[in-house]
Amino acid sequence: MRRFACHYLYVSADGCYSKYVVELEDSDRVRAYFPLKEEISATQWIGGVIIISPMYELDICSGEKFVDFLHRAMLETELEQPVYAWHIADFDLPGKEFTAGSRLVRL
């Protein structure tokens, strides 16, 4: 099991949670997510943005806006389908938009 904490966690295209922890199973699937209320042992702070998506493979398309990316990444799924956590590195937090250096890393 691994845990990552971030500034913003997106679980839908409609909004986000602030200062959250994502807990992953050994298979890299999301097990749980919950608010970061205090420092938790064995939790890695990676900052920035994490999105929860059923997509096992995901890329940022050239010129794509973040809101469009979210809608694409959050496709309707079966209730029991596994979901994965993706960290967006080099993200413009105040503007909530990709930068020229933004990239996705599946956690």
Foldseek 3Di string as FASTA:
>chain_A
DAKEWEQWEAAALPGTDGTKMWDADPVQFTDDMDHCPDDDPRYHYPYDYKYKALDPDAWDDPPDWQSVRRPVRHDDDDPPRTIWIKGWPCADVVVRTRDPPTTIDTD
